[in-house]
Amino acid sequence: MLRLSRAWICATFVLVVLAGCSGPNPFQAAANATTTTVAADATQGTGLADNGFIPSRNISDCIGTNERPNCGSTQKGGLGMYLTFGALILGVGFVMWRISVGVRKRDAVVNAPENPGEY
């Protein structure tokens, strides 16, 4: 088994921390950055107007814990969602089956008579 010295672990930790903290401050970089907005042009075909997941009505009307009528998208759901749900159900079913097999094996050992030939 490989044992690392404390000095090696401390040096590695310091290098990781220093490497992670390098670079400009993100708050100062965001304050100095210039933002440009691209208007959705009918000739470009890009922008928020072409996004199928954003509702056509005011987005602030759709914010909340309960989904309101006409705030969703017709593109959500579909085959991918059903395949993911099926895989989830199969996975949970497999785990429950393995648990039941383990419990049955354990109970068979625990509840077995000590001397089966005496009765």
PDB file of N, CA and C in Angstrom:
ATOM      1  N   MET A   1       0.847  -1.184   0.000  1.00  0.00           N
ATOM      2  CA  MET A   1       0.000   0.000   0.000  1.00  0.00           C
ATOM      3  C   MET A   1       0.888   1.242   0.000  1.00  0.00           C
ATOM      4  N   LEU A   2       0.522   2.190  -0.777  1.00  0.00           N
ATOM      5  CA  LEU A   2       1.300   3.419  -0.912  1.00  0.00           C
ATOM      6  C   LEU A   2       0.892   4.398   0.184  1.00  0.00           C
ATOM      7  N   ARG A   3       1.874   4.882   0.902  1.00  0.00           N
ATOM      8  CA  ARG A   3       1.600   5.869   1.949  1.00  0.00           C
ATOM      9  C   ARG A   3       2.211   7.191   1.522  1.00  0.00           C
ATOM     10  N   LEU A   4       1.430   8.208   1.567  1.00  0.00           N
ATOM     11  CA  LEU A   4       1.904   9.536   1.208  1.00  0.00           C
ATOM     12  C   LEU A   4       2.265  10.302   2.475  1.00  0.00           C
ATOM     13  N   SER A   5       3.331  11.044   2.386  1.00  0.00           N
ATOM     14  CA  SER A   5       3.729  11.826   3.548  1.00  0.00           C
ATOM     15  C   SER A   5       2.824  13.048   3.690  1.00  0.00           C
ATOM     16  N   ARG A   6       2.817  13.595   4.874  1.00  0.00           N
ATOM     17  CA  ARG A   6       1.988  14.778   5.126  1.00  0.00           C
ATOM     18  C   ARG A   6       2.461  15.969   4.308  1.00  0.00           C
ATOM     19  N   ALA A   7       3.765  16.075   4.114  1.00  0.00           N
ATOM     20  CA  ALA A   7       4.296  17.190   3.327  1.00  0.00           C
ATOM     21  C   ALA A   7       3.802  17.109   1.890  1.00  0.00           C
ATOM     22  N   TRP A   8       3.763  15.905   1.319  1.00  0.00           N
ATOM     23  CA  TRP A   8       3.291  15.730  -0.062  1.00  0.00           C
ATOM     24  C   TRP A   8       1.808  16.084  -0.170  1.00  0.00           C
ATOM     25  N   ILE A   9       1.018  15.654   0.806  1.00  0.00           N
ATOM     26  CA  ILE A   9      -0.414  15.958   0.786  1.00  0.00           C
ATOM     27  C   ILE A   9      -0.644  17.455   0.932  1.00  0.00           C
ATOM     28  N   CYS A  10       0.092  18.110   1.823  1.00  0.00           N
ATOM     29  CA  CYS A  10      -0.056  19.563   2.008  1.00  0.00           C
ATOM     30  C   CYS A  10       0.364  20.323   0.759  1.00  0.00           C
ATOM     31  N   ALA A  11       1.452  19.910   0.123  1.00  0.00           N
ATOM     32  CA  ALA A  11       1.913  20.584  -1.093  1.00  0.00           C
ATOM     33  C   ALA A  11       0.903  20.420  -2.217  1.00  0.00           C
ATOM     34  N   THR A  12       0.323  19.241  -2.353  1.00  0.00           N
ATOM     35  CA  THR A  12      -0.697  19.015  -3.375  1.00  0.00           C
ATOM     36  C   THR A  12      -1.928  19.866  -3.102  1.00  0.00           C
ATOM     37  N   PHE A  13      -2.338  19.948  -1.849  1.00  0.00           N
ATOM     38  CA  PHE A  13      -3.498  20.755  -1.491  1.00  0.00           C
ATOM     39  C   PHE A  13      -3.257  22.225  -1.814  1.00  0.00           C
ATOM     40  N   VAL A  14      -2.076  22.731  -1.484  1.00  0.00           N
ATOM     41  CA  VAL A  14      -1.753  24.137  -1.758  1.00  0.00           C
ATOM     42  C   VAL A  14      -1.759  24.396  -3.261  1.00  0.00           C
ATOM     43  N   LEU A  15      -1.203  23.485  -4.054  1.00  0.00           N
ATOM     44  CA  LEU A  15      -1.194  23.669  -5.503  1.00  0.00           C
ATOM     45  C   LEU A  15      -2.602  23.673  -6.080  1.00  0.00           C
ATOM     46  N   VAL A  16      -3.454  22.798  -5.577  1.00  0.00           N
ATOM     47  CA  VAL A  16      -4.835  22.752  -6.072  1.00  0.00           C
ATOM     48  C   VAL A  16      -5.574  24.028  -5.710  1.00  0.00           C
ATOM     49  N   VAL A  17      -5.387  24.509  -4.490  1.00  0.00           N
ATOM     50  CA  VAL A  17      -6.067  25.736  -4.060  1.00  0.00           C
ATOM     51  C   VAL A  17      -5.565  26.928  -4.863  1.00  0.00           C
ATOM     52  N   LEU A  18      -4.259  27.023  -5.066  1.00  0.00           N
ATOM     53  CA  LEU A  18      -3.722  28.152  -5.823  1.00  0.00           C
ATOM     54  C   LEU A  18      -4.134  28.096  -7.285  1.00  0.00           C
ATOM     55  N   ALA A  19      -4.196  26.907  -7.852  1.00  0.00           N
ATOM     56  CA  ALA A  19      -4.612  26.788  -9.249  1.00  0.00           C
ATOM     57  C   ALA A  19      -6.086  27.144  -9.401  1.00  0.00           C
ATOM     58  N   GLY A  20      -6.897  26.810  -8.402  1.00  0.00           N
ATOM     59  CA  GLY A  20      -8.316  27.110  -8.480  1.00  0.00           C
ATOM     60  C   GLY A  20      -8.633  28.568  -8.248  1.00  0.00           C
ATOM     61  N   CYS A  21      -7.742  29.287  -7.574  1.00  0.00           N
ATOM     62  CA  CYS A  21      -8.000  30.689  -7.242  1.00  0.00           C
ATOM     63  C   CYS A  21      -7.289  31.654  -8.187  1.00  0.00           C
ATOM     64  N   SER A  22      -6.708  31.143  -9.244  1.00  0.00           N
ATOM     65  CA  SER A  22      -5.995  32.040 -10.143  1.00  0.00           C
ATOM     66  C   SER A  22      -6.974  32.675 -11.124  1.00  0.00           C
ATOM     67  N   GLY A  23      -6.546  33.737 -11.728  1.00  0.00           N
ATOM     68  CA  GLY A  23      -7.375  34.413 -12.720  1.00  0.00           C
ATOM     69  C   GLY A  23      -7.998  35.674 -12.164  1.00  0.00           C
ATOM     70  N   PRO A  24      -8.689  36.402 -13.018  1.00  0.00           N
ATOM     71  CA  PRO A  24      -9.295  37.659 -12.571  1.00  0.00           C
ATOM     72  C   PRO A  24     -10.504  37.397 -11.680  1.00  0.00           C
ATOM     73  N   ASN A  25     -10.795  38.377 -10.870  1.00  0.00           N
ATOM     74  CA  ASN A  25     -11.974  38.320 -10.012  1.00  0.00           C
ATOM     75  C   ASN A  25     -13.206  38.350 -10.909  1.00  0.00           C
ATOM     76  N   PRO A  26     -14.116  37.384 -10.801  1.00  0.00           N
ATOM     77  CA  PRO A  26     -15.259  37.362 -11.710  1.00  0.00           C
ATOM     78  C   PRO A  26     -16.189  38.554 -11.535  1.00  0.00           C
ATOM     79  N   PHE A  27     -16.248  39.118 -10.331  1.00  0.00           N
ATOM     80  CA  PHE A  27     -17.116  40.271 -10.128  1.00  0.00           C
ATOM     81  C   PHE A  27     -16.552  41.510 -10.819  1.00  0.00           C
ATOM     82  N   GLN A  28     -15.227  41.687 -10.753  1.00  0.00           N
ATOM     83  CA  GLN A  28     -14.617  42.814 -11.436  1.00  0.00           C
ATOM     84  C   GLN A  28     -14.656  42.615 -12.945  1.00  0.00           C
ATOM     85  N   ALA A  29     -14.482  41.384 -13.395  1.00  0.00           N
ATOM     86  CA  ALA A  29     -14.527  41.113 -14.828  1.00  0.00           C
ATOM     87  C   ALA A  29     -15.926  41.380 -15.377  1.00  0.00           C
ATOM     88  N   ALA A  30     -16.961  41.033 -14.597  1.00  0.00           N
ATOM     89  CA  ALA A  30     -18.323  41.272 -15.051  1.00  0.00           C
ATOM     90  C   ALA A  30     -18.640  42.762 -15.059  1.00  0.00           C
ATOM     91  N   ALA A  31     -18.079  43.522 -14.123  1.00  0.00           N
ATOM     92  CA  ALA A  31     -18.341  44.959 -14.083  1.00  0.00           C
ATOM     93  C   ALA A  31     -17.657  45.670 -15.254  1.00  0.00           C
ATOM     94  N   ASN A  32     -16.518  45.181 -15.674  1.00  0.00           N
ATOM     95  CA  ASN A  32     -15.781  45.815 -16.756  1.00  0.00           C
ATOM     96  C   ASN A  32     -16.193  45.315 -18.132  1.00  0.00           C
ATOM     97  N   ALA A  33     -16.943  44.233 -18.191  1.00  0.00           N
ATOM     98  CA  ALA A  33     -17.299  43.652 -19.481  1.00  0.00           C
ATOM     99  C   ALA A  33     -18.375  44.493 -20.158  1.00  0.00           C
ATOM    100  N   THR A  34     -18.314  44.517 -21.435  1.00  0.00           N
ATOM    101  CA  THR A  34     -19.351  45.185 -22.211  1.00  0.00           C
ATOM    102  C   THR A  34     -20.267  44.122 -22.781  1.00  0.00           C
ATOM    103  N   THR A  35     -21.542  44.369 -22.678  1.00  0.00           N
ATOM    104  CA  THR A  35     -22.499  43.407 -23.200  1.00  0.00           C
ATOM    105  C   THR A  35     -23.091  43.933 -24.482  1.00  0.00           C
ATOM    106  N   THR A  36     -23.334  43.044 -25.373  1.00  0.00           N
ATOM    107  CA  THR A  36     -23.979  43.399 -26.633  1.00  0.00           C
ATOM    108  C   THR A  36     -25.245  42.584 -26.751  1.00  0.00           C
ATOM    109  N   THR A  37     -26.259  43.189 -27.252  1.00  0.00           N
ATOM    110  CA  THR A  37     -27.515  42.486 -27.455  1.00  0.00           C
ATOM    111  C   THR A  37     -27.728  42.289 -28.941  1.00  0.00           C
ATOM    112  N   VAL A  38     -28.183  41.133 -29.267  1.00  0.00           N
ATOM    113  CA  VAL A  38     -28.468  40.816 -30.660  1.00  0.00           C
ATOM    114  C   VAL A  38     -29.978  40.799 -30.811  1.00  0.00           C
ATOM    115  N   ALA A  39     -30.472  41.657 -31.626  1.00  0.00           N
ATOM    116  CA  ALA A  39     -31.909  41.713 -31.853  1.00  0.00           C
ATOM    117  C   ALA A  39     -32.313  40.548 -32.735  1.00  0.00           C
ATOM    118  N   ALA A  40     -33.452  39.968 -32.420  1.00  0.00           N
ATOM    119  CA  ALA A  40     -33.950  38.862 -33.222  1.00  0.00           C
ATOM    120  C   ALA A  40     -34.470  39.424 -34.537  1.00  0.00           C
ATOM    121  N   ASP A  41     -33.783  39.118 -35.575  1.00  0.00           N
ATOM    122  CA  ASP A  41     -34.148  39.608 -36.895  1.00  0.00           C
ATOM    123  C   ASP A  41     -34.814  38.473 -37.657  1.00  0.00           C
ATOM    124  N   ALA A  42     -35.810  38.788 -38.407  1.00  0.00           N
ATOM    125  CA  ALA A  42     -36.519  37.771 -39.165  1.00  0.00           C
ATOM    126  C   ALA A  42     -35.616  37.136 -40.220  1.00  0.00           C
ATOM    127  N   THR A  43     -34.633  37.887 -40.691  1.00  0.00           N
ATOM    128  CA  THR A  43     -33.749  37.330 -41.715  1.00  0.00           C
ATOM    129  C   THR A  43     -32.695  36.424 -41.097  1.00  0.00           C
ATOM    130  N   GLN A  44     -32.330  36.652 -39.821  1.00  0.00           N
ATOM    131  CA  GLN A  44     -31.321  35.818 -39.181  1.00  0.00           C
ATOM    132  C   GLN A  44     -31.893  34.464 -38.766  1.00  0.00           C
ATOM    133  N   GLY A  45     -33.099  34.432 -38.270  1.00  0.00           N
ATOM    134  CA  GLY A  45     -33.697  33.202 -37.803  1.00  0.00           C
ATOM    135  C   GLY A  45     -33.186  32.766 -36.442  1.00  0.00           C
ATOM    136  N   THR A  46     -32.576  33.666 -35.695  1.00  0.00           N
ATOM    137  CA  THR A  46     -32.088  33.322 -34.364  1.00  0.00           C
ATOM    138  C   THR A  46     -32.738  34.253 -33.365  1.00  0.00           C
ATOM    139  N   GLY A  47     -32.589  33.926 -32.116  1.00  0.00           N
ATOM    140  CA  GLY A  47     -33.133  34.778 -31.072  1.00  0.00           C
ATOM    141  C   GLY A  47     -34.172  34.048 -30.254  1.00  0.00           C
ATOM    142  N   LEU A  48     -34.805  34.776 -29.371  1.00  0.00           N
ATOM    143  CA  LEU A  48     -35.779  34.176 -28.477  1.00  0.00           C
ATOM    144  C   LEU A  48     -37.073  33.812 -29.177  1.00  0.00           C
ATOM    145  N   ALA A  49     -37.345  34.448 -30.278  1.00  0.00           N
ATOM    146  CA  ALA A  49     -38.603  34.184 -30.970  1.00  0.00           C
ATOM    147  C   ALA A  49     -38.639  32.767 -31.524  1.00  0.00           C
ATOM    148  N   ASP A  50     -37.484  32.192 -31.842  1.00  0.00           N
ATOM    149  CA  ASP A  50     -37.440  30.856 -32.420  1.00  0.00           C
ATOM    150  C   ASP A  50     -37.290  29.754 -31.380  1.00  0.00           C
ATOM    151  N   ASN A  51     -37.128  30.114 -30.119  1.00  0.00           N
ATOM    152  CA  ASN A  51     -36.954  29.116 -29.078  1.00  0.00           C
ATOM    153  C   ASN A  51     -38.315  28.527 -28.732  1.00  0.00           C
ATOM    154  N   GLY A  52     -38.460  27.216 -28.903  1.00  0.00           N
ATOM    155  CA  GLY A  52     -39.736  26.564 -28.663  1.00  0.00           C
ATOM    156  C   GLY A  52     -40.053  26.362 -27.200  1.00  0.00           C
ATOM    157  N   PHE A  53     -39.074  26.523 -26.319  1.00  0.00           N
ATOM    158  CA  PHE A  53     -39.306  26.290 -24.903  1.00  0.00           C
ATOM    159  C   PHE A  53     -39.728  27.541 -24.149  1.00  0.00           C
ATOM    160  N   ILE A  54     -39.688  28.682 -24.780  1.00  0.00           N
ATOM    161  CA  ILE A  54     -40.116  29.928 -24.147  1.00  0.00           C
ATOM    162  C   ILE A  54     -41.535  30.231 -24.611  1.00  0.00           C
ATOM    163  N   PRO A  55     -42.461  30.442 -23.690  1.00  0.00           N
ATOM    164  CA  PRO A  55     -43.848  30.680 -24.095  1.00  0.00           C
ATOM    165  C   PRO A  55     -43.991  32.012 -24.822  1.00  0.00           C
ATOM    166  N   SER A  56     -45.040  32.105 -25.583  1.00  0.00           N
ATOM    167  CA  SER A  56     -45.272  33.318 -26.371  1.00  0.00           C
ATOM    168  C   SER A  56     -45.817  34.460 -25.512  1.00  0.00           C
ATOM    169  N   ARG A  57     -46.293  34.163 -24.337  1.00  0.00           N
ATOM    170  CA  ARG A  57     -46.803  35.217 -23.472  1.00  0.00           C
ATOM    171  C   ARG A  57     -45.704  35.737 -22.564  1.00  0.00           C
ATOM    172  N   ASN A  58     -46.016  36.698 -21.708  1.00  0.00           N
ATOM    173  CA  ASN A  58     -45.044  37.300 -20.811  1.00  0.00           C
ATOM    174  C   ASN A  58     -44.523  36.240 -19.830  1.00  0.00           C
ATOM    175  N   ILE A  59     -43.220  36.114 -19.751  1.00  0.00           N
ATOM    176  CA  ILE A  59     -42.619  35.069 -18.918  1.00  0.00           C
ATOM    177  C   ILE A  59     -42.879  35.321 -17.443  1.00  0.00           C
ATOM    178  N   SER A  60     -42.956  36.561 -17.015  1.00  0.00           N
ATOM    179  CA  SER A  60     -43.185  36.847 -15.598  1.00  0.00           C
ATOM    180  C   SER A  60     -44.567  36.383 -15.146  1.00  0.00           C
ATOM    181  N   ASP A  61     -45.509  36.207 -16.075  1.00  0.00           N
ATOM    182  CA  ASP A  61     -46.815  35.661 -15.708  1.00  0.00           C
ATOM    183  C   ASP A  61     -46.746  34.162 -15.420  1.00  0.00           C
ATOM    184  N   CYS A  62     -45.701  33.504 -15.901  1.00  0.00           N
ATOM    185  CA  CYS A  62     -45.594  32.046 -15.780  1.00  0.00           C
ATOM    186  C   CYS A  62     -44.737  31.608 -14.615  1.00  0.00           C
ATOM    187  N   ILE A  63     -44.165  32.523 -13.854  1.00  0.00           N
ATOM    188  CA  ILE A  63     -43.278  32.147 -12.763  1.00  0.00           C
ATOM    189  C   ILE A  63     -44.108  31.795 -11.542  1.00  0.00           C
ATOM    190  N   GLY A  64     -43.787  30.652 -10.944  1.00  0.00           N
ATOM    191  CA  GLY A  64     -44.480  30.217  -9.739  1.00  0.00           C
ATOM    192  C   GLY A  64     -44.206  28.756  -9.486  1.00  0.00           C
ATOM    193  N   THR A  65     -44.735  28.251  -8.378  1.00  0.00           N
ATOM    194  CA  THR A  65     -44.508  26.856  -8.043  1.00  0.00           C
ATOM    195  C   THR A  65     -45.453  25.931  -8.785  1.00  0.00           C
ATOM    196  N   ASN A  66     -46.591  26.416  -9.189  1.00  0.00           N
ATOM    197  CA  ASN A  66     -47.560  25.612  -9.923  1.00  0.00           C
ATOM    198  C   ASN A  66     -47.583  26.089 -11.374  1.00  0.00           C
ATOM    199  N   GLU A  67     -47.514  25.146 -12.298  1.00  0.00           N
ATOM    200  CA  GLU A  67     -47.507  25.543 -13.707  1.00  0.00           C
ATOM    201  C   GLU A  67     -48.874  26.091 -14.095  1.00  0.00           C
ATOM    202  N   ARG A  68     -48.868  27.263 -14.659  1.00  0.00           N
ATOM    203  CA  ARG A  68     -50.113  27.926 -15.038  1.00  0.00           C
ATOM    204  C   ARG A  68     -50.499  27.552 -16.463  1.00  0.00           C
ATOM    205  N   PRO A  69     -51.772  27.720 -16.805  1.00  0.00           N
ATOM    206  CA  PRO A  69     -52.213  27.361 -18.157  1.00  0.00           C
ATOM    207  C   PRO A  69     -51.528  28.225 -19.221  1.00  0.00           C
ATOM    208  N   ASN A  70     -51.268  27.629 -20.349  1.00  0.00           N
ATOM    209  CA  ASN A  70     -50.676  28.272 -21.528  1.00  0.00           C
ATOM    210  C   ASN A  70     -49.282  28.842 -21.256  1.00  0.00           C
ATOM    211  N   CYS A  71     -48.590  28.316 -20.262  1.00  0.00           N
ATOM    212  CA  CYS A  71     -47.226  28.760 -19.988  1.00  0.00           C
ATOM    213  C   CYS A  71     -46.204  27.745 -20.452  1.00  0.00           C
ATOM    214  N   GLY A  72     -46.624  26.549 -20.734  1.00  0.00           N
ATOM    215  CA  GLY A  72     -45.696  25.501 -21.126  1.00  0.00           C
ATOM    216  C   GLY A  72     -45.373  25.569 -22.602  1.00  0.00           C
ATOM    217  N   SER A  73     -44.720  24.546 -23.034  1.00  0.00           N
ATOM    218  CA  SER A  73     -44.315  24.435 -24.423  1.00  0.00           C
ATOM    219  C   SER A  73     -44.869  23.145 -24.989  1.00  0.00           C
ATOM    220  N   THR A  74     -45.159  23.156 -26.256  1.00  0.00           N
ATOM    221  CA  THR A  74     -45.602  21.926 -26.898  1.00  0.00           C
ATOM    222  C   THR A  74     -44.435  20.991 -27.146  1.00  0.00           C
ATOM    223  N   GLN A  75     -43.192  21.492 -27.021  1.00  0.00           N
ATOM    224  CA  GLN A  75     -42.024  20.674 -27.286  1.00  0.00           C
ATOM    225  C   GLN A  75     -41.548  19.907 -26.061  1.00  0.00           C
ATOM    226  N   LYS A  76     -42.061  20.188 -24.881  1.00  0.00           N
ATOM    227  CA  LYS A  76     -41.602  19.438 -23.722  1.00  0.00           C
ATOM    228  C   LYS A  76     -42.340  18.106 -23.684  1.00  0.00           C
ATOM    229  N   GLY A  77     -41.688  17.122 -23.126  1.00  0.00           N
ATOM    230  CA  GLY A  77     -42.253  15.783 -23.115  1.00  0.00           C
ATOM    231  C   GLY A  77     -41.809  15.036 -24.356  1.00  0.00           C
ATOM    232  N   GLY A  78     -42.588  14.088 -24.757  1.00  0.00           N
ATOM    233  CA  GLY A  78     -42.267  13.340 -25.947  1.00  0.00           C
ATOM    234  C   GLY A  78     -41.585  12.018 -25.636  1.00  0.00           C
ATOM    235  N   LEU A  79     -40.977  11.441 -26.657  1.00  0.00           N
ATOM    236  CA  LEU A  79     -40.383  10.115 -26.562  1.00  0.00           C
ATOM    237  C   LEU A  79     -39.235  10.060 -25.561  1.00  0.00           C
ATOM    238  N   GLY A  80     -38.398  11.084 -25.536  1.00  0.00           N
ATOM    239  CA  GLY A  80     -37.267  11.089 -24.605  1.00  0.00           C
ATOM    240  C   GLY A  80     -37.711  11.046 -23.159  1.00  0.00           C
ATOM    241  N   MET A  81     -38.764  11.777 -22.837  1.00  0.00           N
ATOM    242  CA  MET A  81     -39.277  11.778 -21.473  1.00  0.00           C
ATOM    243  C   MET A  81     -39.831  10.411 -21.107  1.00  0.00           C
ATOM    244  N   TYR A  82     -40.542   9.770 -22.027  1.00  0.00           N
ATOM    245  CA  TYR A  82     -41.115   8.460 -21.737  1.00  0.00           C
ATOM    246  C   TYR A  82     -40.027   7.399 -21.622  1.00  0.00           C
ATOM    247  N   LEU A  83     -38.974   7.476 -22.424  1.00  0.00           N
ATOM    248  CA  LEU A  83     -37.869   6.535 -22.309  1.00  0.00           C
ATOM    249  C   LEU A  83     -37.127   6.705 -20.981  1.00  0.00           C
ATOM    250  N   THR A  84     -36.936   7.945 -20.568  1.00  0.00           N
ATOM    251  CA  THR A  84     -36.282   8.197 -19.283  1.00  0.00           C
ATOM    252  C   THR A  84     -37.133   7.682 -18.130  1.00  0.00           C
ATOM    253  N   PHE A  85     -38.428   7.904 -18.200  1.00  0.00           N
ATOM    254  CA  PHE A  85     -39.323   7.418 -17.155  1.00  0.00           C
ATOM    255  C   PHE A  85     -39.325   5.895 -17.115  1.00  0.00           C
ATOM    256  N   GLY A  86     -39.336   5.255 -18.284  1.00  0.00           N
ATOM    257  CA  GLY A  86     -39.290   3.794 -18.349  1.00  0.00           C
ATOM    258  C   GLY A  86     -38.000   3.249 -17.760  1.00  0.00           C
ATOM    259  N   ALA A  87     -36.861   3.893 -18.076  1.00  0.00           N
ATOM    260  CA  ALA A  87     -35.582   3.457 -17.518  1.00  0.00           C
ATOM    261  C   ALA A  87     -35.575   3.635 -16.008  1.00  0.00           C
ATOM    262  N   LEU A  88     -36.167   4.701 -15.522  1.00  0.00           N
ATOM    263  CA  LEU A  88     -36.254   4.935 -14.079  1.00  0.00           C
ATOM    264  C   LEU A  88     -37.083   3.851 -13.397  1.00  0.00           C
ATOM    265  N   ILE A  89     -38.212   3.528 -13.979  1.00  0.00           N
ATOM    266  CA  ILE A  89     -39.085   2.502 -13.409  1.00  0.00           C
ATOM    267  C   ILE A  89     -38.401   1.134 -13.443  1.00  0.00           C
ATOM    268  N   LEU A  90     -37.706   0.808 -14.550  1.00  0.00           N
ATOM    269  CA  LEU A  90     -36.980  -0.457 -14.628  1.00  0.00           C
ATOM    270  C   LEU A  90     -35.872  -0.520 -13.579  1.00  0.00           C
ATOM    271  N   GLY A  91     -35.170   0.579 -13.372  1.00  0.00           N
ATOM    272  CA  GLY A  91     -34.106   0.617 -12.371  1.00  0.00           C
ATOM    273  C   GLY A  91     -34.642   0.425 -10.967  1.00  0.00           C
ATOM    274  N   VAL A  92     -35.730   1.098 -10.638  1.00  0.00           N
ATOM    275  CA  VAL A  92     -36.330   0.949  -9.311  1.00  0.00           C
ATOM    276  C   VAL A  92     -36.863  -0.472  -9.133  1.00  0.00           C
ATOM    277  N   GLY A  93     -37.458  -1.020 -10.184  1.00  0.00           N
ATOM    278  CA  GLY A  93     -37.946  -2.402 -10.111  1.00  0.00           C
ATOM    279  C   GLY A  93     -36.819  -3.396  -9.885  1.00  0.00           C
ATOM    280  N   PHE A  94     -35.682  -3.190 -10.555  1.00  0.00           N
ATOM    281  CA  PHE A  94     -34.532  -4.067 -10.372  1.00  0.00           C
ATOM    282  C   PHE A  94     -34.010  -3.995  -8.946  1.00  0.00           C
ATOM    283  N   VAL A  95     -33.899  -2.790  -8.413  1.00  0.00           N
ATOM    284  CA  VAL A  95     -33.425  -2.630  -7.035  1.00  0.00           C
ATOM    285  C   VAL A  95     -34.381  -3.304  -6.056  1.00  0.00           C
ATOM    286  N   MET A  96     -35.666  -3.140  -6.243  1.00  0.00           N
ATOM    287  CA  MET A  96     -36.643  -3.765  -5.342  1.00  0.00           C
ATOM    288  C   MET A  96     -36.591  -5.288  -5.462  1.00  0.00           C
ATOM    289  N   TRP A  97     -36.390  -5.828  -6.655  1.00  0.00           N
ATOM    290  CA  TRP A  97     -36.276  -7.261  -6.843  1.00  0.00           C
ATOM    291  C   TRP A  97     -35.050  -7.804  -6.115  1.00  0.00           C
ATOM    292  N   ARG A  98     -33.921  -7.100  -6.221  1.00  0.00           N
ATOM    293  CA  ARG A  98     -32.706  -7.551  -5.547  1.00  0.00           C
ATOM    294  C   ARG A  98     -32.871  -7.500  -4.025  1.00  0.00           C
ATOM    295  N   ILE A  99     -33.563  -6.498  -3.530  1.00  0.00           N
ATOM    296  CA  ILE A  99     -33.813  -6.418  -2.090  1.00  0.00           C
ATOM    297  C   ILE A  99     -34.682  -7.589  -1.643  1.00  0.00           C
ATOM    298  N   SER A 100     -35.727  -7.904  -2.408  1.00  0.00           N
ATOM    299  CA  SER A 100     -36.604  -9.013  -2.024  1.00  0.00           C
ATOM    300  C   SER A 100     -35.868 -10.349  -2.070  1.00  0.00           C
ATOM    301  N   VAL A 101     -34.973 -10.551  -3.042  1.00  0.00           N
ATOM    302  CA  VAL A 101     -34.181 -11.782  -3.101  1.00  0.00           C
ATOM    303  C   VAL A 101     -33.269 -11.876  -1.881  1.00  0.00           C
ATOM    304  N   GLY A 102     -32.630 -10.780  -1.516  1.00  0.00           N
ATOM    305  CA  GLY A 102     -31.752 -10.782  -0.345  1.00  0.00           C
ATOM    306  C   GLY A 102     -32.500 -11.045   0.950  1.00  0.00           C
ATOM    307  N   VAL A 103     -33.683 -10.475   1.089  1.00  0.00           N
ATOM    308  CA  VAL A 103     -34.477 -10.686   2.303  1.00  0.00           C
ATOM    309  C   VAL A 103     -34.933 -12.132   2.382  1.00  0.00           C
ATOM    310  N   ARG A 104     -35.349 -12.719   1.256  1.00  0.00           N
ATOM    311  CA  ARG A 104     -35.772 -14.124   1.264  1.00  0.00           C
ATOM    312  C   ARG A 104     -34.626 -15.051   1.630  1.00  0.00           C
ATOM    313  N   LYS A 105     -33.437 -14.785   1.093  1.00  0.00           N
ATOM    314  CA  LYS A 105     -32.278 -15.610   1.436  1.00  0.00           C
ATOM    315  C   LYS A 105     -31.929 -15.475   2.916  1.00  0.00           C
ATOM    316  N   ARG A 106     -31.972 -14.264   3.425  1.00  0.00           N
ATOM    317  CA  ARG A 106     -31.678 -14.060   4.841  1.00  0.00           C
ATOM    318  C   ARG A 106     -32.700 -14.754   5.719  1.00  0.00           C
ATOM    319  N   ASP A 107     -33.975 -14.629   5.376  1.00  0.00           N
ATOM    320  CA  ASP A 107     -35.026 -15.259   6.177  1.00  0.00           C
ATOM    321  C   ASP A 107     -34.953 -16.776   6.113  1.00  0.00           C
ATOM    322  N   ALA A 108     -34.531 -17.326   4.985  1.00  0.00           N
ATOM    323  CA  ALA A 108     -34.403 -18.782   4.871  1.00  0.00           C
ATOM    324  C   ALA A 108     -33.327 -19.298   5.810  1.00  0.00           C
ATOM    325  N   VAL A 109     -32.251 -18.541   5.978  1.00  0.00           N
ATOM    326  CA  VAL A 109     -31.178 -18.951   6.875  1.00  0.00           C
ATOM    327  C   VAL A 109     -31.592 -18.741   8.325  1.00  0.00           C
ATOM    328  N   VAL A 110     -32.213 -17.626   8.634  1.00  0.00           N
ATOM    329  CA  VAL A 110     -32.589 -17.306  10.014  1.00  0.00           C
ATOM    330  C   VAL A 110     -33.697 -18.226  10.507  1.00  0.00           C
ATOM    331  N   ASN A 111     -34.658 -18.557   9.678  1.00  0.00           N
ATOM    332  CA  ASN A 111     -35.816 -19.346  10.099  1.00  0.00           C
ATOM    333  C   ASN A 111     -35.625 -20.835   9.895  1.00  0.00           C
ATOM    334  N   ALA A 112     -34.489 -21.275   9.429  1.00  0.00           N
ATOM    335  CA  ALA A 112     -34.249 -22.712   9.217  1.00  0.00           C
ATOM    336  C   ALA A 112     -34.156 -23.412  10.568  1.00  0.00           C
ATOM    337  N   PRO A 113     -34.699 -24.628  10.680  1.00  0.00           N
ATOM    338  CA  PRO A 113     -34.588 -25.363  11.945  1.00  0.00           C
ATOM    339  C   PRO A 113     -33.141 -25.790  12.189  1.00  0.00           C
ATOM    340  N   GLU A 114     -32.772 -25.876  13.455  1.00  0.00           N
ATOM    341  CA  GLU A 114     -31.398 -26.233  13.790  1.00  0.00           C
ATOM    342  C   GLU A 114     -31.090 -27.684  13.463  1.00  0.00           C
ATOM    343  N   ASN A 115     -31.991 -28.575  13.772  1.00  0.00           N
ATOM    344  CA  ASN A 115     -31.814 -30.000  13.505  1.00  0.00           C
ATOM    345  C   ASN A 115     -32.974 -30.482  12.644  1.00  0.00           C
ATOM    346  N   PRO A 116     -32.870 -30.429  11.328  1.00  0.00           N
ATOM    347  CA  PRO A 116     -34.009 -30.775  10.494  1.00  0.00           C
ATOM    348  C   PRO A 116     -34.394 -32.242  10.558  1.00  0.00           C
ATOM    349  N   GLY A 117     -33.512 -33.142  11.002  1.00  0.00           N
ATOM    350  CA  GLY A 117     -33.838 -34.574  11.030  1.00  0.00           C
ATOM    351  C   GLY A 117     -34.594 -35.009  12.260  1.00  0.00           C
ATOM    352  N   GLU A 118     -34.715 -34.188  13.281  1.00  0.00           N
ATOM    353  CA  GLU A 118     -35.354 -34.589  14.530  1.00  0.00           C
ATOM    354  C   GLU A 118     -36.872 -34.603  14.448  1.00  0.00           C
ATOM    355  N   TYR A 119     -37.455 -33.828  13.603  1.00  0.00           N
ATOM    356  CA  TYR A 119     -38.917 -33.709  13.595  1.00  0.00           C
ATOM    357  C   TYR A 119     -39.514 -34.782  12.806  1.00  0.00           C
TER     358      TYR A 119
END
